[in-house]
C-alpha atoms as a PDB file:
ATOM      1  CA  MET A   1       1.358 -30.175 -20.459  1.00  0.00           C
ATOM      2  CA  GLU A   2      -1.174 -27.938 -22.201  1.00  0.00           C
ATOM      3  CA  ILE A   3      -0.167 -24.306 -22.109  1.00  0.00           C
ATOM      4  CA  LYS A   4      -2.953 -21.928 -21.135  1.00  0.00           C
ATOM      5  CA  ARG A   5      -3.365 -18.393 -22.410  1.00  0.00           C
ATOM      6  CA  ASN A   6      -5.601 -15.388 -21.616  1.00  0.00           C
ATOM      7  CA  GLU A   7      -6.715 -13.722 -24.688  1.00  0.00           C
ATOM      8  CA  ALA A   8      -6.909  -9.983 -25.294  1.00  0.00           C
ATOM      9  CA  THR A   9     -10.336  -8.189 -24.848  1.00  0.00           C
ATOM     10  CA  LEU A  10     -11.676  -4.734 -25.430  1.00  0.00           C
ATOM     11  CA  ASN A  11     -11.049  -3.923 -21.738  1.00  0.00           C
ATOM     12  CA  ARG A  12      -7.611  -5.482 -21.813  1.00  0.00           C
ATOM     13  CA  PRO A  13      -6.034  -5.276 -25.328  1.00  0.00           C
ATOM     14  CA  LEU A  14      -2.683  -6.395 -23.800  1.00  0.00           C
ATOM     15  CA  GLY A  15      -4.268  -9.406 -22.269  1.00  0.00           C
ATOM     16  CA  ASN A  16      -2.823 -12.050 -24.609  1.00  0.00           C
ATOM     17  CA  ARG A  17      -0.411 -13.810 -22.314  1.00  0.00           C
ATOM     18  CA  ILE A  18       0.555 -17.259 -20.952  1.00  0.00           C
ATOM     19  CA  ILE A  19      -1.062 -17.928 -17.547  1.00  0.00           C
ATOM     20  CA  ASP A  20      -0.047 -21.687 -17.195  1.00  0.00           C
ATOM     21  CA  ALA A  21       2.827 -23.600 -18.748  1.00  0.00           C
ATOM     22  CA  PRO A  22       5.837 -25.721 -17.452  1.00  0.00           C
ATOM     23  CA  TYR A  23       7.158 -22.417 -16.288  1.00  0.00           C
ATOM     24  CA  VAL A  24       5.645 -18.806 -16.393  1.00  0.00           C
ATOM     25  CA  PHE A  25       7.753 -15.636 -16.250  1.00  0.00           C
ATOM     26  CA  ALA A  26       5.931 -12.680 -14.715  1.00  0.00           C
ATOM     27  CA  ASP A  27       7.157  -8.961 -15.012  1.00  0.00           C
ATOM     28  CA  LEU A  28       5.324  -7.531 -11.984  1.00  0.00           C
ATOM     29  CA  GLY A  29       6.514  -4.136 -12.845  1.00  0.00           C
ATOM     30  CA  ALA A  30       5.073  -4.261 -16.394  1.00  0.00           C
ATOM     31  CA  PHE A  31       1.812  -5.800 -14.881  1.00  0.00           C
ATOM     32  CA  THR A  32       1.523  -2.961 -12.427  1.00  0.00           C
ATOM     33  CA  ASN A  33       1.943  -0.304 -15.074  1.00  0.00           C
ATOM     34  CA  GLN A  34      -0.715  -2.234 -17.211  1.00  0.00           C
ATOM     35  CA  VAL A  35      -3.294  -2.456 -14.449  1.00  0.00           C
ATOM     36  CA  LYS A  36      -2.760   1.291 -13.656  1.00  0.00           C
ATOM     37  CA  ASP A  37      -2.970   2.326 -17.276  1.00  0.00           C
ATOM     38  CA  GLU A  38      -6.250   0.677 -18.039  1.00  0.00           C
ATOM     39  CA  ALA A  39      -9.635   2.313 -18.065  1.00  0.00           C
ATOM     40  CA  ALA A  40     -10.937   0.067 -15.247  1.00  0.00           C
ATOM     41  CA  TRP A  41      -8.356   1.709 -13.061  1.00  0.00           C
ATOM     42  CA  GLU A  42      -9.678   5.232 -13.879  1.00  0.00           C
ATOM     43  CA  LYS A  43     -13.328   4.147 -13.435  1.00  0.00           C
ATOM     44  CA  ASN A  44     -13.015   2.014 -10.268  1.00  0.00           C
ATOM     45  CA  ASP A  45     -11.193   1.780  -6.909  1.00  0.00           C
ATOM     46  CA  ARG A  46      -9.306  -1.339  -8.014  1.00  0.00           C
ATOM     47  CA  ASN A  47      -7.938  -3.376 -10.907  1.00  0.00           C
ATOM     48  CA  ALA A  48      -6.329  -6.724 -11.112  1.00  0.00           C
ATOM     49  CA  ILE A  49      -4.604  -9.101 -13.381  1.00  0.00           C
ATOM     50  CA  THR A  50      -4.143 -12.847 -13.230  1.00  0.00           C
ATOM     51  CA  VAL A  51      -0.488 -13.653 -13.271  1.00  0.00           C
ATOM     52  CA  PHE A  52      -0.680 -17.435 -13.051  1.00  0.00           C
ATOM     53  CA  LYS A  53      -3.631 -19.913 -12.976  1.00  0.00           C
ATOM     54  CA  SER A  54      -3.470 -23.701 -12.626  1.00  0.00           C
ATOM     55  CA  ALA A  55      -5.899 -26.267 -11.222  1.00  0.00           C
ATOM     56  CA  ILE A  56      -4.405 -25.814  -7.691  1.00  0.00           C
ATOM     57  CA  MET A  57      -2.834 -22.335  -7.644  1.00  0.00           C
ATOM     58  CA  THR A  58      -3.803 -18.852  -8.733  1.00  0.00           C
ATOM     59  CA  ILE A  59      -1.729 -15.705  -8.477  1.00  0.00           C
ATOM     60  CA  VAL A  60      -3.388 -12.250  -8.898  1.00  0.00           C
ATOM     61  CA  LEU A  61      -1.718  -8.837  -8.870  1.00  0.00           C
ATOM     62  CA  THR A  62      -4.295  -6.381  -7.372  1.00  0.00           C
ATOM     63  CA  ALA A  63      -4.000  -2.665  -7.314  1.00  0.00           C
ATOM     64  CA  LEU A  64      -6.356  -0.917  -4.846  1.00  0.00           C
ATOM     65  CA  LYS A  65      -6.905   2.874  -4.506  1.00  0.00           C
ATOM     66  CA  GLU A  66      -6.882   4.457  -0.999  1.00  0.00           C
ATOM     67  CA  SER A  67     -10.045   3.557   0.810  1.00  0.00           C
ATOM     68  CA  ALA A  68     -10.966   0.641  -1.435  1.00  0.00           C
ATOM     69  CA  VAL A  69     -12.618  -2.270   0.492  1.00  0.00           C
ATOM     70  CA  SER A  70     -12.929  -5.906  -0.323  1.00  0.00           C
ATOM     71  CA  LYS A  71     -15.407  -7.140   2.262  1.00  0.00           C
ATOM     72  CA  ASP A  72     -16.265 -10.587   3.521  1.00  0.00           C
ATOM     73  CA  ASN A  73     -14.001 -12.761   1.479  1.00  0.00           C
ATOM     74  CA  VAL A  74     -13.725 -16.436   1.968  1.00  0.00           C
ATOM     75  CA  VAL A  75     -11.243 -18.687   0.023  1.00  0.00           C
ATOM     76  CA  ASP A  76     -11.755 -22.490  -0.307  1.00  0.00           C
ATOM     77  CA  GLY A  77      -7.956 -22.946  -0.220  1.00  0.00           C
ATOM     78  CA  PHE A  78      -4.947 -21.347   1.476  1.00  0.00           C
ATOM     79  CA  LEU A  79      -4.510 -17.594   0.736  1.00  0.00           C
ATOM     80  CA  VAL A  80      -1.281 -15.567   0.859  1.00  0.00           C
ATOM     81  CA  VAL A  81      -1.730 -11.855   0.907  1.00  0.00           C
ATOM     82  CA  GLN A  82       1.606 -10.022  -0.026  1.00  0.00           C
ATOM     83  CA  VAL A  83       1.786  -6.200   0.217  1.00  0.00           C
ATOM     84  CA  LEU A  84       4.110  -4.962  -2.550  1.00  0.00           C
ATOM     85  CA  GLN A  85       3.320  -1.381  -2.073  1.00  0.00           C
ATOM     86  CA  GLY A  86       1.263   0.734   0.199  1.00  0.00           C
ATOM     87  CA  ASN A  87      -0.595  -0.045   3.356  1.00  0.00           C
ATOM     88  CA  ILE A  88      -3.695  -2.163   3.977  1.00  0.00           C
ATOM     89  CA  ARG A  89      -5.839  -3.164   6.936  1.00  0.00           C
ATOM     90  CA  ILE A  90      -7.019  -6.755   7.261  1.00  0.00           C
ATOM     91  CA  GLU A  91      -9.959  -7.603   9.385  1.00  0.00           C
ATOM     92  CA  THR A  92     -10.899 -11.114  10.542  1.00  0.00           C
ATOM     93  CA  GLN A  93     -13.409 -12.381  13.144  1.00  0.00           C
ATOM     94  CA  GLU A  94     -10.587 -12.893  15.709  1.00  0.00           C
ATOM     95  CA  GLN A  95      -8.309  -9.710  14.970  1.00  0.00           C
ATOM     96  CA  ASP A  96      -7.685  -6.818  12.888  1.00  0.00           C
ATOM     97  CA  GLY A  97      -4.212  -5.722  11.834  1.00  0.00           C
ATOM     98  CA  ASP A  98      -2.341  -3.362   9.607  1.00  0.00           C
ATOM     99  CA  MET A  99       0.124  -4.413   6.972  1.00  0.00           C
ATOM    100  CA  GLU A 100       2.701  -2.576   4.987  1.00  0.00           C
ATOM    101  CA  GLU A 101       5.123  -3.069   2.105  1.00  0.00           C
ATOM    102  CA  SER A 102       7.143  -6.345   2.420  1.00  0.00           C
ATOM    103  CA  GLN A 103       4.686  -8.044   4.815  1.00  0.00           C
ATOM    104  CA  LEU A 104       2.573 -10.991   4.154  1.00  0.00           C
ATOM    105  CA  MET A 105      -0.304 -13.018   5.774  1.00  0.00           C
ATOM    106  CA  VAL A 106      -1.253 -16.532   5.231  1.00  0.00           C
ATOM    107  CA  PHE A 107      -4.830 -17.627   5.635  1.00  0.00           C
ATOM    108  CA  HIS A 108      -6.061 -21.235   6.178  1.00  0.00           C
ATOM    109  CA  PRO A 109      -9.006 -22.262   3.956  1.00  0.00           C
ATOM    110  CA  GLY A 110     -12.386 -20.775   4.944  1.00  0.00           C
ATOM    111  CA  ILE A 111     -11.271 -17.899   7.128  1.00  0.00           C
ATOM    112  CA  PRO A 112     -13.510 -14.845   6.461  1.00  0.00           C
ATOM    113  CA  HIS A 113     -11.617 -11.606   5.983  1.00  0.00           C
ATOM    114  CA  SER A 114     -11.909  -8.139   4.631  1.00  0.00           C
ATOM    115  CA  ILE A 115      -9.211  -5.911   3.128  1.00  0.00           C
ATOM    116  CA  GLU A 116      -9.128  -2.141   3.140  1.00  0.00           C
ATOM    117  CA  ALA A 117      -6.470   0.011   1.457  1.00  0.00           C
ATOM    118  CA  LYS A 118      -5.167   2.603   3.793  1.00  0.00           C
ATOM    119  CA  SER A 119      -3.200   4.140   0.830  1.00  0.00           C
ATOM    120  CA  ASP A 120      -2.928   3.253  -2.857  1.00  0.00           C
ATOM    121  CA  SER A 121      -1.634  -0.193  -2.512  1.00  0.00           C
ATOM    122  CA  LEU A 122      -0.493  -3.221  -4.671  1.00  0.00           C
ATOM    123  CA  LEU A 123      -1.081  -6.756  -3.525  1.00  0.00           C
ATOM    124  CA  LEU A 124       0.011 -10.183  -4.786  1.00  0.00           C
ATOM    125  CA  LEU A 125      -2.866 -12.675  -3.893  1.00  0.00           C
ATOM    126  CA  THR A 126      -1.947 -16.230  -4.116  1.00  0.00           C
ATOM    127  CA  THR A 127      -4.445 -19.076  -3.595  1.00  0.00           C
ATOM    128  CA  TYR A 128      -3.755 -22.776  -3.178  1.00  0.00           C
ATOM    129  CA  ALA A 129      -6.504 -25.242  -3.457  1.00  0.00           C
ATOM    130  CA  MET A 130      -6.860 -28.142  -1.274  1.00  0.00           C
ATOM    131  CA  LYS A 131      -7.178 -30.522  -4.203  1.00  0.00           C
ATOM    132  CA  SER A 132      -7.205 -30.214  -7.945  1.00  0.00           C
END
């Protein structure tokens, strides 16, 4: 198996890391500190880092500031939204709901949704493709 890496950039000087290998260890506490220490967090209402990325699965740690909104999302594969910190509101065409720390929601492919941070929040977003 080929090992895949992200490389450091000017915006993410600590970006050199493995994102796909036979196994990938992720320190979510260190990634949380990293996304909240970067200039993007100071300038914007959100920042994120890819923790793992393969042909069929992607895991992204996303920090949202209170009132940040991600509107009209649609994912081709399955989506798991896990709230690690804070509170969010998820809106779908059928129903709206609030989520808090330690809760998760699973979406089937193609379900439109929006996410709003009700407080500073930390999410782990996992997508699973239908096929590679």
